[in-house]
Each structure stands twice: as C-alpha cells, then as structure tokens.
Protein backbone atom coordinates (compact mmCIF):
# COMPACT_ATOMS: atom_id res chain seq x y z
CA MET A 1 -25.94 -18.82 -0.52
CA THR A 2 -23.51 -17.50 -3.14
CA LYS A 3 -22.23 -19.72 -5.96
CA SER A 4 -18.80 -20.08 -4.32
CA ALA A 5 -20.35 -21.01 -0.97
CA LEU A 6 -22.68 -23.51 -2.65
CA LYS A 7 -19.71 -25.06 -4.45
CA SER A 8 -17.82 -25.40 -1.15
CA TYR A 9 -20.91 -26.95 0.47
CA LEU A 10 -21.28 -29.54 -2.28
CA GLU A 11 -17.58 -30.37 -2.22
CA ALA A 12 -17.69 -30.80 1.56
CA GLY A 13 -20.50 -33.31 1.12
CA LYS A 14 -18.43 -35.37 -1.31
CA ARG A 15 -15.47 -35.85 1.03
CA GLU A 16 -15.29 -39.17 2.85
CA THR A 17 -14.54 -37.97 6.36
CA ARG A 18 -15.75 -38.87 9.81
CA LEU A 19 -16.08 -35.29 11.03
CA ILE A 20 -14.39 -32.57 8.97
CA GLY A 21 -16.88 -32.62 6.10
CA ALA A 22 -19.80 -32.28 8.51
CA VAL A 23 -18.08 -29.38 10.32
CA GLU A 24 -17.53 -27.50 7.06
CA LYS A 25 -21.12 -28.03 5.93
CA PHE A 26 -22.31 -26.76 9.31
CA LEU A 27 -20.20 -23.59 9.04
CA LEU A 28 -21.46 -22.92 5.53
CA THR A 29 -25.10 -23.13 6.65
CA GLU A 30 -24.72 -21.02 9.80
CA PRO A 31 -26.36 -17.58 9.60
CA PRO A 32 -23.72 -15.04 8.57
CA ASP A 33 -22.32 -12.78 11.26
CA GLU A 34 -23.98 -9.40 10.71
CA SER A 35 -22.53 -7.69 13.79
CA ARG A 36 -19.97 -5.83 11.68
CA ARG A 37 -21.46 -2.57 10.47
CA THR A 38 -21.66 -2.14 6.71
CA ASP A 39 -22.88 1.48 6.70
CA VAL A 40 -19.51 2.99 7.66
CA PHE A 41 -15.96 3.17 6.35
CA HIS A 42 -13.65 0.62 7.99
CA PRO A 43 -9.95 1.52 8.37
CA SER A 44 -8.90 -2.06 7.56
CA GLU A 45 -10.62 -1.76 4.16
CA MET A 46 -9.63 1.81 3.32
CA VAL A 47 -5.90 1.07 3.51
CA ARG A 48 -6.02 -1.77 1.00
CA GLU A 49 -5.09 -1.36 -2.65
CA ASP A 50 -8.37 -3.03 -3.62
CA TRP A 51 -10.55 -0.51 -1.76
CA CYS A 52 -13.53 0.02 -4.05
CA LEU A 53 -15.06 3.50 -3.77
CA ARG A 54 -18.17 2.35 -5.62
CA ALA A 55 -18.85 -0.36 -3.03
CA SER A 56 -18.29 2.18 -0.24
CA TYR A 57 -20.77 4.56 -1.85
CA PHE A 58 -23.48 1.88 -1.96
CA ALA A 59 -22.80 0.86 1.66
CA VAL A 60 -22.18 4.20 3.37
CA VAL A 61 -24.16 6.72 1.32
CA GLU A 62 -27.05 4.57 0.09
CA GLY A 63 -27.16 2.31 3.14
CA TRP A 64 -27.40 -0.92 1.13
CA ARG A 65 -26.15 -4.18 2.59
CA PRO A 66 -23.94 -6.38 0.40
CA THR A 67 -24.68 -10.06 -0.05
CA PRO A 68 -23.14 -11.65 3.08
CA GLU A 69 -20.14 -13.90 2.53
CA ARG A 70 -19.96 -17.45 3.79
CA HIS A 71 -16.50 -18.87 4.33
CA ASN A 72 -15.20 -22.40 3.87
CA LEU A 73 -13.48 -24.33 6.66
CA ARG A 74 -9.95 -23.23 5.74
CA THR A 75 -10.91 -19.53 5.76
CA ASN A 76 -12.71 -19.97 9.09
CA ASN A 77 -9.57 -21.60 10.49
CA ILE A 78 -7.50 -18.58 9.40
CA PHE A 79 -9.92 -16.14 11.03
CA ASP A 80 -10.23 -18.15 14.25
CA GLU A 81 -6.46 -18.55 14.55
CA GLY A 82 -6.07 -14.80 14.19
CA HIS A 83 -8.69 -14.20 16.90
CA ALA A 84 -6.91 -16.63 19.22
CA ILE A 85 -3.57 -14.84 18.77
CA HIS A 86 -5.22 -11.47 19.45
CA ASP A 87 -6.87 -12.80 22.60
CA LYS A 88 -3.63 -14.31 23.88
CA TRP A 89 -1.70 -11.04 23.76
CA GLN A 90 -4.59 -8.98 25.09
CA GLN A 91 -5.09 -11.31 28.05
CA ARG A 92 -1.41 -11.08 28.97
CA ILE A 93 -1.45 -7.26 28.96
CA TRP A 94 -4.70 -7.33 30.94
CA ARG A 95 -3.13 -9.55 33.62
CA MET A 96 -0.13 -7.17 33.74
CA GLY A 97 -2.53 -4.35 34.63
CA ASN A 98 -1.77 -2.24 31.55
CA LEU A 99 -4.73 -2.85 29.23
CA TYR A 100 -7.06 0.10 28.76
CA GLY A 101 -10.21 0.29 26.65
CA LYS A 102 -13.83 -0.83 26.59
CA PHE A 103 -14.81 -3.81 28.73
CA ALA A 104 -18.09 -5.69 29.02
CA CYS A 105 -19.66 -7.99 31.61
CA LEU A 106 -21.26 -11.15 30.26
CA VAL A 107 -23.49 -11.41 33.33
CA CYS A 108 -25.23 -8.03 33.45
CA ASN A 109 -24.21 -6.69 29.98
CA HIS A 110 -22.71 -3.56 31.51
CA SER A 111 -19.97 -1.96 29.38
CA TRP A 112 -17.47 0.68 30.44
CA TRP A 113 -14.00 2.15 29.83
CA ASP A 114 -11.41 0.95 32.32
CA LEU A 115 -7.82 -0.10 32.96
CA SER A 116 -7.47 -3.87 33.48
CA PRO A 117 -10.56 -4.33 35.71
CA GLN A 118 -10.78 -7.37 37.97
CA THR A 119 -14.54 -7.22 38.60
CA CYS A 120 -17.60 -5.67 36.99
CA PRO A 121 -18.35 -2.27 38.62
CA SER A 122 -22.08 -2.85 38.14
CA CYS A 123 -22.72 -6.38 39.44
CA GLU A 124 -19.25 -7.23 40.89
CA ALA A 125 -18.94 -10.30 38.68
CA ASP A 126 -15.49 -11.89 38.55
CA ILE A 127 -12.90 -11.20 35.87
CA LYS A 128 -13.63 -14.64 34.37
CA VAL A 129 -16.90 -13.33 32.93
CA LEU A 130 -15.50 -10.02 31.70
CA ARG A 131 -14.65 -9.44 28.05
CA TYR A 132 -12.33 -6.95 26.41
CA ASN A 133 -14.09 -5.06 23.62
CA GLU A 134 -10.85 -3.41 22.53
CA VAL A 135 -10.74 0.30 21.65
CA PRO A 136 -13.81 1.35 19.67
CA MET A 137 -13.16 4.29 17.38
CA VAL A 138 -15.70 6.36 15.55
CA SER A 139 -16.03 9.56 13.56
CA ASP A 140 -19.65 10.46 12.89
CA TYR A 141 -18.57 13.31 10.63
CA TYR A 142 -16.56 11.02 8.32
CA GLU A 143 -18.77 7.98 9.00
CA ILE A 144 -15.80 5.84 10.02
CA ALA A 145 -15.90 3.07 12.62
CA GLY A 146 -13.34 0.53 13.74
CA HIS A 147 -11.48 -1.02 16.66
CA SER A 148 -7.85 -0.85 17.63
CA ASP A 149 -6.63 -4.07 19.24
CA GLY A 150 -5.61 -2.34 22.43
CA TRP A 151 -4.46 0.72 24.37
CA VAL A 152 -1.49 0.28 26.71
CA VAL A 153 -1.14 2.45 29.82
CA GLY A 154 1.70 2.58 32.36
CA LEU A 155 4.61 1.48 30.20
CA GLY A 156 5.96 4.90 29.30
CA ASP A 157 3.72 7.14 27.22
CA ASP A 158 0.34 5.63 26.27
CA TYR A 159 0.22 3.81 22.93
CA LEU A 160 -2.19 1.78 20.86
CA ILE A 161 -1.40 -1.78 19.82
CA GLU A 162 -2.21 -3.72 16.68
CA ILE A 163 -1.71 -7.50 16.69
CA LYS A 164 -1.07 -9.29 13.40
CA SER A 165 -0.80 -13.02 12.78
CA VAL A 166 1.61 -13.48 9.87
CA GLY A 167 1.86 -16.53 7.62
CA THR A 168 3.01 -17.42 4.13
CA GLY A 169 -0.25 -16.08 2.72
CA THR A 170 0.38 -12.74 4.44
CA LEU A 171 3.81 -12.55 2.85
CA ARG A 172 2.40 -13.36 -0.59
CA HIS A 173 -0.08 -10.53 -0.28
CA GLU A 174 1.87 -7.92 1.68
CA ALA A 175 5.53 -8.58 0.87
CA PRO A 176 5.99 -10.75 -2.24
CA HIS A 177 9.38 -9.10 -2.80
CA LEU A 178 10.69 -10.83 0.35
CA LEU A 179 9.53 -14.25 -0.85
CA ASN A 180 11.16 -13.61 -4.22
CA LYS A 181 14.38 -12.46 -2.56
CA TYR A 182 14.63 -15.64 -0.50
CA ASP A 183 13.45 -18.11 -3.18
CA ASN A 184 10.06 -18.62 -1.50
CA ASN A 185 11.66 -19.60 1.80
CA ALA A 186 8.99 -18.17 4.08
CA ASP A 187 11.02 -18.55 7.29
CA LYS A 188 13.90 -16.51 5.87
CA ALA A 189 11.47 -13.93 4.54
CA TRP A 190 9.96 -13.65 8.02
CA GLU A 191 13.40 -13.09 9.54
CA ALA A 192 13.98 -10.24 7.07
CA ILE A 193 10.92 -8.19 8.10
CA ARG A 194 12.17 -4.89 9.54
CA ASN A 195 9.09 -2.68 9.41
CA PRO A 196 5.30 -3.14 9.47
CA PHE A 197 3.79 -3.82 6.06
CA ARG A 198 2.44 -0.85 4.16
CA THR A 199 -1.26 -1.60 4.68
CA HIS A 200 -0.69 -2.28 8.37
CA HIS A 201 1.23 0.99 8.73
CA LEU A 202 -1.61 2.91 7.08
CA GLN A 203 -4.19 1.14 9.23
CA GLY A 204 -2.25 2.15 12.34
CA GLN A 205 -2.08 5.75 11.14
CA MET A 206 -5.85 5.71 10.60
CA TYR A 207 -6.40 4.51 14.18
CA LEU A 208 -4.10 7.21 15.54
CA HIS A 209 -5.94 9.80 13.45
CA LEU A 210 -9.32 8.58 14.68
CA VAL A 211 -8.30 8.62 18.33
CA LYS A 212 -6.96 12.17 17.89
CA MET A 213 -10.31 13.25 16.42
CA MET A 214 -12.14 11.59 19.30
CA GLU A 215 -9.98 13.54 21.75
CA GLU A 216 -10.82 16.79 19.97
CA GLU A 217 -14.53 15.93 20.20
CA GLY A 218 -14.29 15.23 23.94
CA LEU A 219 -15.05 11.52 23.58
CA LEU A 220 -12.02 10.24 25.52
CA LEU A 221 -11.20 10.13 29.22
CA ARG A 222 -7.45 10.13 28.55
CA PRO A 223 -5.22 12.07 26.11
CA ALA A 224 -4.98 10.31 22.76
CA PRO A 225 -1.78 8.29 22.15
CA SER A 226 0.67 9.42 19.48
CA GLU A 227 2.20 5.99 18.86
CA ILE A 228 1.04 2.54 17.87
CA VAL A 229 2.99 -0.66 18.52
CA PHE A 230 2.61 -3.55 16.08
CA ILE A 231 3.02 -7.10 17.36
CA TYR A 232 3.65 -9.62 14.59
CA GLU A 233 3.41 -13.33 15.40
CA TRP A 234 4.71 -15.90 12.90
CA LYS A 235 2.13 -18.67 12.64
CA ALA A 236 4.66 -21.37 11.78
CA ASN A 237 6.52 -21.35 15.10
CA GLN A 238 5.02 -18.51 17.23
CA ASP A 239 8.09 -16.28 16.78
CA PHE A 240 7.33 -12.58 17.18
CA ARG A 241 8.34 -9.05 16.16
CA GLU A 242 7.57 -5.58 17.51
CA PHE A 243 7.48 -2.30 15.58
CA THR A 244 6.63 1.20 16.82
CA VAL A 245 5.12 3.87 14.55
CA ARG A 246 4.50 7.52 15.42
CA TYR A 247 1.45 9.44 14.29
CA SER A 248 1.93 11.27 11.00
CA PRO A 249 -1.31 12.44 9.34
CA ASP A 250 0.44 13.05 6.01
CA TYR A 251 0.42 9.29 5.42
CA ILE A 252 -3.37 9.13 5.27
CA GLN A 253 -4.17 12.42 3.55
CA ASN A 254 -5.00 10.60 0.32
CA ILE A 255 -7.35 8.23 2.16
CA MET A 256 -9.23 11.09 3.80
CA GLU A 257 -9.59 12.79 0.40
CA LYS A 258 -11.14 9.62 -1.02
CA ILE A 259 -13.64 9.55 1.86
CA ASP A 260 -14.68 13.10 0.98
CA GLN A 261 -14.98 12.02 -2.66
CA VAL A 262 -17.44 9.27 -1.75
CA LEU A 263 -19.47 11.33 0.72
CA ASP A 264 -19.75 14.28 -1.69
CA ALA A 265 -20.71 12.18 -4.74
CA ASP A 266 -24.17 12.74 -6.26
CA GLU A 267 -24.18 9.25 -7.75
CA ALA A 268 -22.21 6.04 -7.47
CA PRO A 269 -18.64 6.50 -8.78
CA PRO A 270 -17.17 3.92 -11.18
CA CYS A 271 -15.44 0.90 -9.68
CA THR A 272 -11.88 1.88 -8.78
CA ILE A 273 -10.65 -1.66 -9.42
CA ASP A 274 -12.30 -2.44 -12.78
CA ALA A 275 -14.27 0.45 -14.26
CA VAL A 276 -15.80 -1.83 -16.94
CA LYS A 277 -16.81 -5.04 -15.20
CA GLY A 278 -16.71 -3.92 -11.59
CA CYS A 279 -15.05 -5.88 -8.79
CA LYS A 280 -16.23 -8.54 -6.36
CA LYS A 281 -16.99 -5.94 -3.69
CA CYS A 282 -19.23 -3.61 -5.68
CA ARG A 283 -20.86 -6.49 -7.58
CA ALA A 284 -22.03 -7.79 -4.19
CA PHE A 285 -24.48 -4.88 -4.20
CA ASP A 286 -25.98 -5.94 -7.53
CA ASP A 287 -27.52 -9.01 -5.92
CA GLU A 288 -31.24 -8.85 -5.31
CA ASP A 289 -30.59 -9.42 -1.59
CA ALA A 290 -28.84 -6.06 -1.23
CA LEU A 291 -31.08 -3.66 0.66
C-alpha cells in the first residue's frame, strides 16, 4: 500500500461513522484491478499534457509494472459515477438497435462482434446476461490498445461515440478559462461549452486513427467510421451536449512521433514533466514492486 493509500486508510479508521468509514477501508484493502494492460500505450494517457515518456518507456519497452494505485472513497465514487453514465447511454443505443461492437455472454463466456444482439449466438442466453465490451482497438505495430465507448450503425454514416461525464473538477482541469470567465459559476461555464475539450478531441482522433489502421490490417468486418460523436453529461443536473468531430490525422501527428521516440529509444528518456525529480508516473516504476 502506497503512503497516500495508507494515509487514507488511517483517516477512514478515525471517522466516527456507522458505515462510510468501513466502506472506504474495504475499498482501500481490495486487491487492485489489474485488468487494464500496462504494457501498451493508452490513447487516454497519450493525449494528456502530463504524458510521461519515461513512464511509457518503462511500461511498454521494458515491460515493468508500476506500483498499483489504490483510490479513496471519493475517487471511487467519481469512477463509478462515470461508469454508470457510460452504461446508461450504451444501453439506450443497444435497445434502439444501433449499437455495434464487441459483446460477451456471462453464461458461456463467448465473445463476438455484433449489432445490438438480443441473445447469445453460442448458448442462446437472454440479453439480460449479455455485456457490451465496447469497441476494442489495437495496433500491434505501435503497441497501442484502448476502447472506444461505442460504434453507432444505422443513423446515417457509421460513427464512434465517446461519453464524458463532466463536473466542476473536469472544468478546472480541462477548461479553467471558462470558470474564470464566469467567476467560478460552474453551471454558466457548462452552458458556454461549444466544442469538446482539447484532450477529448485528441483522444477521439486517436480512436479514429486506430480504427482506420485496423481496417487497413483487415481486422474489421465493417468500413471504419470517419466521425466520432461526443456525448457530454453534466453531473450536477444530468443536462447533456453533443459534438461531432471528423477524422483529421494531422491533429495527432505529434503524438505518433512521440510513440516512435519511445519505441526507438535505447534507454529510458528523461521525464518529460520534471527532468530533475521525475513525476508521479515514472517514479511509480522506482518502487521495488515494479517488475
């Protein structure tokens, strides 16, 4: 357990609560989720300003695993709320008959690509035990892996979707200029959003680029979409926004060049966030638990 996780655990034990303190302590002692691959580049990380090339070198080139993070109750709430919003929109599009991608059966573990299936083609289990595994994307050549939130078919030309839950914290990180403009009135700042945030736009472009590469490699059953639709949901009152972005590889040229820089390096590059002290991400590989 890291120092920050241990601190959160001890603080949870000090709170006089009937239930919440026990829930937080339980979450902090649960085994970390290691289903997310650490030996590949993830589009959601590569588009961020704090993408550390040194950390990526250790993970992708050397194959080391960073010290797993454990999250406090508030952070878990944020993640779980985001998952719930994703699931809500995906389920609606599934029921409409327009959701394409990878599905899985919880009964027989069969997985397959399909368009809004109602039963498992292997064991004929009902839709209630089917799960949407989104749109897996991979480039073995560039060692990239990720998932788009969805692929919509039958509503005009095919397009990908990306679902984002937006709150005050999102605005502080992605659009502080809007909060400043409206004197920290988050609701007014939300109303002023006219385009997807920069990192989201880049993430969408990465997904469109990946799906185009998969088409070229013969890994898709349908032509790759050239658009991605962003759905923003405002956490405060469930208001929503929609933005459409067309594929333009020029946006991600710099990102692809950085991938080449990491893959071609003979040794770990300096931290791109703090060349002297390193950053939280690359320091995670200094721990004795890193493999």
